[in-house]
Structure formats: C-alpha cells, structure tokens
Amino acid sequence: MKAPRAEQGSQHITIRIRGHLPDRYFESFEGLQVMKLDQGETLIAGEVEDQAQLFGLINRIRDLGIPLLEINCCESKFTSEETENEYTNRD
C-alpha cells in the first residue's frame, strides 16, 4: 500500500498560539505576518509552499516552547485585516 502523497502547491495557513510572541522571535517566521491579538494570543499567517515548510514552522514553534492552539490551512488567501478580524471577533 502506498503512503498518501503530500499536497502540492502553496496554501494559506493561520497558526494561533497562546500568549504574545516576543518581537525577537518575529524573524523566526520571516515571510509570514505575525499579529498580536487583543485576547493575549498571537496569530501567524501567510503562504507555505508545501507540507514540509508547514511542518518546519510547527517544529519551530515546538522548539521555542510556545503553546500551539490552532492551525488552519486553506487554498484561498485572506487579507491581513480579514484574518485578524476573524480571530479578534470570537466570543
């Protein structure tokens, strides 16, 4: 039985973590938007080329000891305002 192949092509991702990520770690997520949310969380959003890049980001978050709350992948790209509004308007 063959293992499933990783999806090809870029995807837009959002990663939500607990706490405000210190500015000194922003460079660890170069090429992605990092937004500090009002509710004491940080949102990392942007395009990843493939699953390997996504897993690299997840490993980086783990290595920094940051509590991971949520990961979303989708094919369509949202503007930073739409992305931030989605997460700041939650109950």
PDB file of N, CA and C in Angstrom:
ATOM      1  N   MET A   1       0.840  -1.168   0.000  1.00  0.00           N
ATOM      2  CA  MET A   1       0.000   0.000   0.000  1.00  0.00           C
ATOM      3  C   MET A   1       0.890   1.238   0.000  1.00  0.00           C
ATOM      4  N   LYS A   2       0.586   2.157  -0.898  1.00  0.00           N
ATOM      5  CA  LYS A   2       1.363   3.384  -0.983  1.00  0.00           C
ATOM      6  C   LYS A   2       0.904   4.382   0.075  1.00  0.00           C
ATOM      7  N   ALA A   3       1.869   5.122   0.617  1.00  0.00           N
ATOM      8  CA  ALA A   3       1.541   6.199   1.549  1.00  0.00           C
ATOM      9  C   ALA A   3       0.972   7.365   0.755  1.00  0.00           C
ATOM     10  N   PRO A   4       0.013   8.119   1.332  1.00  0.00           N
ATOM     11  CA  PRO A   4      -0.535   9.269   0.612  1.00  0.00           C
ATOM     12  C   PRO A   4       0.541  10.319   0.380  1.00  0.00           C
ATOM     13  N   ARG A   5       0.513  10.933  -0.791  1.00  0.00           N
ATOM     14  CA  ARG A   5       1.468  11.984  -1.109  1.00  0.00           C
ATOM     15  C   ARG A   5       1.028  13.296  -0.470  1.00  0.00           C
ATOM     16  N   ALA A   6       1.993  14.087  -0.077  1.00  0.00           N
ATOM     17  CA  ALA A   6       1.688  15.405   0.473  1.00  0.00           C
ATOM     18  C   ALA A   6       1.090  16.266  -0.635  1.00  0.00           C
ATOM     19  N   GLU A   7       0.182  17.152  -0.252  1.00  0.00           N
ATOM     20  CA  GLU A   7      -0.425  18.051  -1.217  1.00  0.00           C
ATOM     21  C   GLU A   7       0.644  18.931  -1.847  1.00  0.00           C
ATOM     22  N   GLN A   8       0.490  19.175  -3.130  1.00  0.00           N
ATOM     23  CA  GLN A   8       1.430  20.017  -3.857  1.00  0.00           C
ATOM     24  C   GLN A   8       0.846  21.420  -3.975  1.00  0.00           C
ATOM     25  N   GLY A   9       1.718  22.402  -4.086  1.00  0.00           N
ATOM     26  CA  GLY A   9       1.276  23.777  -4.252  1.00  0.00           C
ATOM     27  C   GLY A   9       1.174  24.498  -2.924  1.00  0.00           C
ATOM     28  N   SER A  10       1.181  25.812  -3.031  1.00  0.00           N
ATOM     29  CA  SER A  10       1.157  26.616  -1.810  1.00  0.00           C
ATOM     30  C   SER A  10      -0.245  26.663  -1.211  1.00  0.00           C
ATOM     31  N   GLN A  11      -0.268  26.872   0.082  1.00  0.00           N
ATOM     32  CA  GLN A  11      -1.516  27.022   0.827  1.00  0.00           C
ATOM     33  C   GLN A  11      -1.375  28.195   1.775  1.00  0.00           C
ATOM     34  N   HIS A  12      -2.490  28.845   2.045  1.00  0.00           N
ATOM     35  CA  HIS A  12      -2.502  29.888   3.058  1.00  0.00           C
ATOM     36  C   HIS A  12      -2.739  29.210   4.413  1.00  0.00           C
ATOM     37  N   ILE A  13      -1.950  29.596   5.401  1.00  0.00           N
ATOM     38  CA  ILE A  13      -2.101  28.996   6.725  1.00  0.00           C
ATOM     39  C   ILE A  13      -2.278  30.089   7.769  1.00  0.00           C
ATOM     40  N   THR A  14      -2.974  29.732   8.825  1.00  0.00           N
ATOM     41  CA  THR A  14      -3.009  30.556  10.030  1.00  0.00           C
ATOM     42  C   THR A  14      -2.663  29.651  11.198  1.00  0.00           C
ATOM     43  N   ILE A  15      -1.789  30.147  12.054  1.00  0.00           N
ATOM     44  CA  ILE A  15      -1.383  29.419  13.246  1.00  0.00           C
ATOM     45  C   ILE A  15      -1.655  30.324  14.429  1.00  0.00           C
ATOM     46  N   ARG A  16      -2.427  29.833  15.388  1.00  0.00           N
ATOM     47  CA  ARG A  16      -2.751  30.621  16.577  1.00  0.00           C
ATOM     48  C   ARG A  16      -2.021  30.011  17.761  1.00  0.00           C
ATOM     49  N   ILE A  17      -1.301  30.867  18.494  1.00  0.00           N
ATOM     50  CA  ILE A  17      -0.547  30.403  19.655  1.00  0.00           C
ATOM     51  C   ILE A  17      -0.957  31.182  20.894  1.00  0.00           C
ATOM     52  N   ARG A  18      -0.741  30.574  22.052  1.00  0.00           N
ATOM     53  CA  ARG A  18      -1.087  31.215  23.325  1.00  0.00           C
ATOM     54  C   ARG A  18      -0.004  32.228  23.683  1.00  0.00           C
ATOM     55  N   GLY A  19      -0.431  33.391  24.123  1.00  0.00           N
ATOM     56  CA  GLY A  19       0.488  34.433  24.557  1.00  0.00           C
ATOM     57  C   GLY A  19       0.933  35.319  23.401  1.00  0.00           C
ATOM     58  N   HIS A  20       1.510  36.438  23.750  1.00  0.00           N
ATOM     59  CA  HIS A  20       2.064  37.334  22.743  1.00  0.00           C
ATOM     60  C   HIS A  20       3.506  36.943  22.476  1.00  0.00           C
ATOM     61  N   LEU A  21       3.786  36.622  21.235  1.00  0.00           N
ATOM     62  CA  LEU A  21       5.125  36.238  20.815  1.00  0.00           C
ATOM     63  C   LEU A  21       6.054  37.445  20.955  1.00  0.00           C
ATOM     64  N   PRO A  22       7.161  37.314  21.686  1.00  0.00           N
ATOM     65  CA  PRO A  22       8.100  38.428  21.803  1.00  0.00           C
ATOM     66  C   PRO A  22       8.647  38.828  20.427  1.00  0.00           C
ATOM     67  N   ASP A  23       8.845  40.128  20.242  1.00  0.00           N
ATOM     68  CA  ASP A  23       9.311  40.653  18.954  1.00  0.00           C
ATOM     69  C   ASP A  23      10.590  39.973  18.476  1.00  0.00           C
ATOM     70  N   ARG A  24      11.452  39.564  19.382  1.00  0.00           N
ATOM     71  CA  ARG A  24      12.733  38.965  18.976  1.00  0.00           C
ATOM     72  C   ARG A  24      12.534  37.643  18.223  1.00  0.00           C
ATOM     73  N   TYR A  25      11.362  37.033  18.333  1.00  0.00           N
ATOM     74  CA  TYR A  25      11.086  35.780  17.628  1.00  0.00           C
ATOM     75  C   TYR A  25      10.434  36.003  16.268  1.00  0.00           C
ATOM     76  N   PHE A  26      10.059  37.240  15.952  1.00  0.00           N
ATOM     77  CA  PHE A  26       9.376  37.502  14.685  1.00  0.00           C
ATOM     78  C   PHE A  26      10.219  37.049  13.497  1.00  0.00           C
ATOM     79  N   GLU A  27      11.534  37.221  13.568  1.00  0.00           N
ATOM     80  CA  GLU A  27      12.395  36.842  12.450  1.00  0.00           C
ATOM     81  C   GLU A  27      12.394  35.329  12.219  1.00  0.00           C
ATOM     82  N   SER A  28      11.988  34.555  13.218  1.00  0.00           N
ATOM     83  CA  SER A  28      11.872  33.103  13.049  1.00  0.00           C
ATOM     84  C   SER A  28      10.762  32.733  12.075  1.00  0.00           C
ATOM     85  N   PHE A  29       9.874  33.697  11.807  1.00  0.00           N
ATOM     86  CA  PHE A  29       8.729  33.457  10.926  1.00  0.00           C
ATOM     87  C   PHE A  29       8.782  34.409   9.736  1.00  0.00           C
ATOM     88  N   GLU A  30       9.987  34.609   9.213  1.00  0.00           N
ATOM     89  CA  GLU A  30      10.210  35.508   8.096  1.00  0.00           C
ATOM     90  C   GLU A  30       9.314  35.139   6.918  1.00  0.00           C
ATOM     91  N   GLY A  31       8.715  36.149   6.318  1.00  0.00           N
ATOM     92  CA  GLY A  31       7.828  35.929   5.188  1.00  0.00           C
ATOM     93  C   GLY A  31       6.380  35.715   5.589  1.00  0.00           C
ATOM     94  N   LEU A  32       6.120  35.613   6.886  1.00  0.00           N
ATOM     95  CA  LEU A  32       4.758  35.441   7.393  1.00  0.00           C
ATOM     96  C   LEU A  32       4.364  36.667   8.207  1.00  0.00           C
ATOM     97  N   GLN A  33       3.072  36.919   8.299  1.00  0.00           N
ATOM     98  CA  GLN A  33       2.578  38.011   9.135  1.00  0.00           C
ATOM     99  C   GLN A  33       2.435  37.500  10.560  1.00  0.00           C
ATOM    100  N   VAL A  34       2.893  38.278  11.514  1.00  0.00           N
ATOM    101  CA  VAL A  34       2.745  37.935  12.926  1.00  0.00           C
ATOM    102  C   VAL A  34       1.935  39.053  13.567  1.00  0.00           C
ATOM    103  N   MET A  35       0.772  38.696  14.128  1.00  0.00           N
ATOM    104  CA  MET A  35      -0.131  39.682  14.713  1.00  0.00           C
ATOM    105  C   MET A  35      -0.417  39.335  16.167  1.00  0.00           C
ATOM    106  N   LYS A  36      -0.240  40.295  17.042  1.00  0.00           N
ATOM    107  CA  LYS A  36      -0.587  40.106  18.450  1.00  0.00           C
ATOM    108  C   LYS A  36      -2.069  40.458  18.602  1.00  0.00           C
ATOM    109  N   LEU A  37      -2.852  39.490  19.060  1.00  0.00           N
ATOM    110  CA  LEU A  37      -4.292  39.676  19.211  1.00  0.00           C
ATOM    111  C   LEU A  37      -4.617  40.202  20.596  1.00  0.00           C
ATOM    112  N   ASP A  38      -5.741  40.889  20.697  1.00  0.00           N
ATOM    113  CA  ASP A  38      -6.154  41.502  21.964  1.00  0.00           C
ATOM    114  C   ASP A  38      -6.348  40.499  23.085  1.00  0.00           C
ATOM    115  N   GLN A  39      -6.790  39.296  22.769  1.00  0.00           N
ATOM    116  CA  GLN A  39      -7.105  38.313  23.806  1.00  0.00           C
ATOM    117  C   GLN A  39      -5.881  37.561  24.324  1.00  0.00           C
ATOM    118  N   GLY A  40      -4.679  38.132  24.108  1.00  0.00           N
ATOM    119  CA  GLY A  40      -3.468  37.503  24.645  1.00  0.00           C
ATOM    120  C   GLY A  40      -2.964  36.332  23.831  1.00  0.00           C
ATOM    121  N   GLU A  41      -3.220  36.357  22.538  1.00  0.00           N
ATOM    122  CA  GLU A  41      -2.755  35.312  21.647  1.00  0.00           C
ATOM    123  C   GLU A  41      -1.994  35.959  20.494  1.00  0.00           C
ATOM    124  N   THR A  42      -1.271  35.142  19.750  1.00  0.00           N
ATOM    125  CA  THR A  42      -0.558  35.610  18.564  1.00  0.00           C
ATOM    126  C   THR A  42      -1.026  34.796  17.370  1.00  0.00           C
ATOM    127  N   LEU A  43      -1.202  35.473  16.258  1.00  0.00           N
ATOM    128  CA  LEU A  43      -1.619  34.834  15.019  1.00  0.00           C
ATOM    129  C   LEU A  43      -0.484  34.962  14.013  1.00  0.00           C
ATOM    130  N   ILE A  44      -0.095  33.843  13.437  1.00  0.00           N
ATOM    131  CA  ILE A  44       0.927  33.801  12.390  1.00  0.00           C
ATOM    132  C   ILE A  44       0.211  33.360  11.123  1.00  0.00           C
ATOM    133  N   ALA A  45       0.318  34.154  10.051  1.00  0.00           N
ATOM    134  CA  ALA A  45      -0.431  33.853   8.833  1.00  0.00           C
ATOM    135  C   ALA A  45       0.425  34.099   7.603  1.00  0.00           C
ATOM    136  N   GLY A  46       0.154  33.335   6.553  1.00  0.00           N
ATOM    137  CA  GLY A  46       0.851  33.535   5.290  1.00  0.00           C
ATOM    138  C   GLY A  46       0.819  32.298   4.426  1.00  0.00           C
ATOM    139  N   GLU A  47       1.628  32.327   3.385  1.00  0.00           N
ATOM    140  CA  GLU A  47       1.696  31.235   2.427  1.00  0.00           C
ATOM    141  C   GLU A  47       2.831  30.280   2.786  1.00  0.00           C
ATOM    142  N   VAL A  48       2.551  28.997   2.670  1.00  0.00           N
ATOM    143  CA  VAL A  48       3.600  27.979   2.759  1.00  0.00           C
ATOM    144  C   VAL A  48       3.623  27.248   1.424  1.00  0.00           C
ATOM    145  N   GLU A  49       4.822  26.885   1.003  1.00  0.00           N
ATOM    146  CA  GLU A  49       4.986  26.235  -0.302  1.00  0.00           C
ATOM    147  C   GLU A  49       4.501  24.792  -0.310  1.00  0.00           C
ATOM    148  N   ASP A  50       4.700  24.098   0.821  1.00  0.00           N
ATOM    149  CA  ASP A  50       4.344  22.684   0.857  1.00  0.00           C
ATOM    150  C   ASP A  50       4.232  22.222   2.310  1.00  0.00           C
ATOM    151  N   GLN A  51       3.904  20.959   2.484  1.00  0.00           N
ATOM    152  CA  GLN A  51       3.745  20.399   3.823  1.00  0.00           C
ATOM    153  C   GLN A  51       5.053  20.411   4.603  1.00  0.00           C
ATOM    154  N   ALA A  52       6.171  20.246   3.917  1.00  0.00           N
ATOM    155  CA  ALA A  52       7.470  20.265   4.598  1.00  0.00           C
ATOM    156  C   ALA A  52       7.705  21.618   5.264  1.00  0.00           C
ATOM    157  N   GLN A  53       7.361  22.703   4.570  1.00  0.00           N
ATOM    158  CA  GLN A  53       7.524  24.028   5.165  1.00  0.00           C
ATOM    159  C   GLN A  53       6.580  24.205   6.352  1.00  0.00           C
ATOM    160  N   LEU A  54       5.354  23.709   6.248  1.00  0.00           N
ATOM    161  CA  LEU A  54       4.401  23.799   7.359  1.00  0.00           C
ATOM    162  C   LEU A  54       4.925  23.048   8.575  1.00  0.00           C
ATOM    163  N   PHE A  55       5.428  21.834   8.373  1.00  0.00           N
ATOM    164  CA  PHE A  55       5.956  21.070   9.500  1.00  0.00           C
ATOM    165  C   PHE A  55       7.198  21.740  10.084  1.00  0.00           C
ATOM    166  N   GLY A  56       7.978  22.421   9.254  1.00  0.00           N
ATOM    167  CA  GLY A  56       9.113  23.190   9.760  1.00  0.00           C
ATOM    168  C   GLY A  56       8.662  24.293  10.699  1.00  0.00           C
ATOM    169  N   LEU A  57       7.563  24.975  10.352  1.00  0.00           N
ATOM    170  CA  LEU A  57       7.007  26.011  11.223  1.00  0.00           C
ATOM    171  C   LEU A  57       6.509  25.421  12.537  1.00  0.00           C
ATOM    172  N   ILE A  58       5.835  24.292  12.448  1.00  0.00           N
ATOM    173  CA  ILE A  58       5.328  23.632  13.651  1.00  0.00           C
ATOM    174  C   ILE A  58       6.494  23.230  14.553  1.00  0.00           C
ATOM    175  N   ASN A  59       7.547  22.706  13.966  1.00  0.00           N
ATOM    176  CA  ASN A  59       8.727  22.330  14.751  1.00  0.00           C
ATOM    177  C   ASN A  59       9.376  23.548  15.398  1.00  0.00           C
ATOM    178  N   ARG A  60       9.414  24.672  14.684  1.00  0.00           N
ATOM    179  CA  ARG A  60       9.985  25.895  15.235  1.00  0.00           C
ATOM    180  C   ARG A  60       9.181  26.360  16.455  1.00  0.00           C
ATOM    181  N   ILE A  61       7.865  26.290  16.359  1.00  0.00           N
ATOM    182  CA  ILE A  61       7.001  26.671  17.486  1.00  0.00           C
ATOM    183  C   ILE A  61       7.262  25.750  18.671  1.00  0.00           C
ATOM    184  N   ARG A  62       7.372  24.452  18.400  1.00  0.00           N
ATOM    185  CA  ARG A  62       7.677  23.486  19.457  1.00  0.00           C
ATOM    186  C   ARG A  62       9.023  23.785  20.108  1.00  0.00           C
ATOM    187  N   ASP A  63      10.041  24.044  19.285  1.00  0.00           N
ATOM    188  CA  ASP A  63      11.385  24.304  19.797  1.00  0.00           C
ATOM    189  C   ASP A  63      11.442  25.574  20.655  1.00  0.00           C
ATOM    190  N   LEU A  64      10.583  26.546  20.355  1.00  0.00           N
ATOM    191  CA  LEU A  64      10.528  27.778  21.148  1.00  0.00           C
ATOM    192  C   LEU A  64       9.708  27.593  22.424  1.00  0.00           C
ATOM    193  N   GLY A  65       9.035  26.445  22.563  1.00  0.00           N
ATOM    194  CA  GLY A  65       8.234  26.169  23.755  1.00  0.00           C
ATOM    195  C   GLY A  65       6.950  26.967  23.813  1.00  0.00           C
ATOM    196  N   ILE A  66       6.404  27.279  22.644  1.00  0.00           N
ATOM    197  CA  ILE A  66       5.186  28.092  22.564  1.00  0.00           C
ATOM    198  C   ILE A  66       3.968  27.171  22.498  1.00  0.00           C
ATOM    199  N   PRO A  67       2.964  27.387  23.346  1.00  0.00           N
ATOM    200  CA  PRO A  67       1.752  26.557  23.294  1.00  0.00           C
ATOM    201  C   PRO A  67       0.953  26.799  22.010  1.00  0.00           C
ATOM    202  N   LEU A  68       0.809  25.771  21.209  1.00  0.00           N
ATOM    203  CA  LEU A  68       0.075  25.824  19.949  1.00  0.00           C
ATOM    204  C   LEU A  68      -1.416  25.641  20.229  1.00  0.00           C
ATOM    205  N   LEU A  69      -2.250  26.540  19.699  1.00  0.00           N
ATOM    206  CA  LEU A  69      -3.689  26.451  19.921  1.00  0.00           C
ATOM    207  C   LEU A  69      -4.453  25.953  18.699  1.00  0.00           C
ATOM    208  N   GLU A  70      -4.025  26.388  17.500  1.00  0.00           N
ATOM    209  CA  GLU A  70      -4.817  26.051  16.320  1.00  0.00           C
ATOM    210  C   GLU A  70      -3.988  26.256  15.049  1.00  0.00           C
ATOM    211  N   ILE A  71      -4.208  25.385  14.074  1.00  0.00           N
ATOM    212  CA  ILE A  71      -3.620  25.536  12.743  1.00  0.00           C
ATOM    213  C   ILE A  71      -4.746  25.375  11.728  1.00  0.00           C
ATOM    214  N   ASN A  72      -4.817  26.308  10.780  1.00  0.00           N
ATOM    215  CA  ASN A  72      -5.790  26.218   9.696  1.00  0.00           C
ATOM    216  C   ASN A  72      -5.065  26.358   8.376  1.00  0.00           C
ATOM    217  N   CYS A  73      -5.424  25.517   7.424  1.00  0.00           N
ATOM    218  CA  CYS A  73      -4.883  25.597   6.071  1.00  0.00           C
ATOM    219  C   CYS A  73      -6.054  25.766   5.113  1.00  0.00           C
ATOM    220  N   CYS A  74      -5.884  26.648   4.139  1.00  0.00           N
ATOM    221  CA  CYS A  74      -6.925  26.812   3.131  1.00  0.00           C
ATOM    222  C   CYS A  74      -6.274  27.224   1.820  1.00  0.00           C
ATOM    223  N   GLU A  75      -6.999  27.061   0.744  1.00  0.00           N
ATOM    224  CA  GLU A  75      -6.448  27.366  -0.569  1.00  0.00           C
ATOM    225  C   GLU A  75      -6.539  28.841  -0.898  1.00  0.00           C
ATOM    226  N   SER A  76      -7.506  29.555  -0.312  1.00  0.00           N
ATOM    227  CA  SER A  76      -7.646  30.967  -0.630  1.00  0.00           C
ATOM    228  C   SER A  76      -6.891  31.825   0.373  1.00  0.00           C
ATOM    229  N   LYS A  77      -6.380  32.932  -0.103  1.00  0.00           N
ATOM    230  CA  LYS A  77      -5.622  33.845   0.740  1.00  0.00           C
ATOM    231  C   LYS A  77      -6.554  34.942   1.244  1.00  0.00           C
ATOM    232  N   PHE A  78      -6.462  35.254   2.524  1.00  0.00           N
ATOM    233  CA  PHE A  78      -7.221  36.333   3.110  1.00  0.00           C
ATOM    234  C   PHE A  78      -6.302  37.524   3.305  1.00  0.00           C
ATOM    235  N   THR A  79      -6.879  38.715   3.317  1.00  0.00           N
ATOM    236  CA  THR A  79      -6.074  39.879   3.648  1.00  0.00           C
ATOM    237  C   THR A  79      -5.760  39.832   5.131  1.00  0.00           C
ATOM    238  N   SER A  80      -4.735  40.554   5.559  1.00  0.00           N
ATOM    239  CA  SER A  80      -4.376  40.547   6.976  1.00  0.00           C
ATOM    240  C   SER A  80      -5.520  41.079   7.821  1.00  0.00           C
ATOM    241  N   GLU A  81      -6.290  42.047   7.300  1.00  0.00           N
ATOM    242  CA  GLU A  81      -7.421  42.592   8.049  1.00  0.00           C
ATOM    243  C   GLU A  81      -8.510  41.535   8.224  1.00  0.00           C
ATOM    244  N   GLU A  82      -8.826  40.786   7.167  1.00  0.00           N
ATOM    245  CA  GLU A  82      -9.831  39.724   7.268  1.00  0.00           C
ATOM    246  C   GLU A  82      -9.386  38.651   8.252  1.00  0.00           C
ATOM    247  N   THR A  83      -8.118  38.272   8.184  1.00  0.00           N
ATOM    248  CA  THR A  83      -7.588  37.248   9.077  1.00  0.00           C
ATOM    249  C   THR A  83      -7.652  37.708  10.518  1.00  0.00           C
ATOM    250  N   GLU A  84      -7.196  38.924  10.788  1.00  0.00           N
ATOM    251  CA  GLU A  84      -7.211  39.446  12.151  1.00  0.00           C
ATOM    252  C   GLU A  84      -8.643  39.590  12.665  1.00  0.00           C
ATOM    253  N   ASN A  85      -9.565  40.081  11.823  1.00  0.00           N
ATOM    254  CA  ASN A  85     -10.962  40.224  12.240  1.00  0.00           C
ATOM    255  C   ASN A  85     -11.586  38.885  12.592  1.00  0.00           C
ATOM    256  N   GLU A  86     -11.247  37.844  11.855  1.00  0.00           N
ATOM    257  CA  GLU A  86     -11.789  36.504  12.141  1.00  0.00           C
ATOM    258  C   GLU A  86     -11.429  36.068  13.554  1.00  0.00           C
ATOM    259  N   TYR A  87     -10.217  36.382  13.992  1.00  0.00           N
ATOM    260  CA  TYR A  87      -9.749  35.910  15.286  1.00  0.00           C
ATOM    261  C   TYR A  87     -10.027  36.880  16.428  1.00  0.00           C
ATOM    262  N   THR A  88     -10.211  38.166  16.152  1.00  0.00           N
ATOM    263  CA  THR A  88     -10.482  39.112  17.230  1.00  0.00           C
ATOM    264  C   THR A  88     -11.959  39.206  17.555  1.00  0.00           C
ATOM    265  N   ASN A  89     -12.814  38.766  16.656  1.00  0.00           N
ATOM    266  CA  ASN A  89     -14.259  38.859  16.879  1.00  0.00           C
ATOM    267  C   ASN A  89     -14.864  37.581  17.427  1.00  0.00           C
ATOM    268  N   ARG A  90     -14.033  36.685  17.938  1.00  0.00           N
ATOM    269  CA  ARG A  90     -14.541  35.451  18.521  1.00  0.00           C
ATOM    270  C   ARG A  90     -15.089  35.715  19.917  1.00  0.00           C
ATOM    271  N   ASP A  91     -16.081  34.928  20.287  1.00  0.00           N
ATOM    272  CA  ASP A  91     -16.661  35.073  21.644  1.00  0.00           C
ATOM    273  C   ASP A  91     -15.817  34.445  22.695  1.00  0.00           C
TER     274      ASP A  91
END
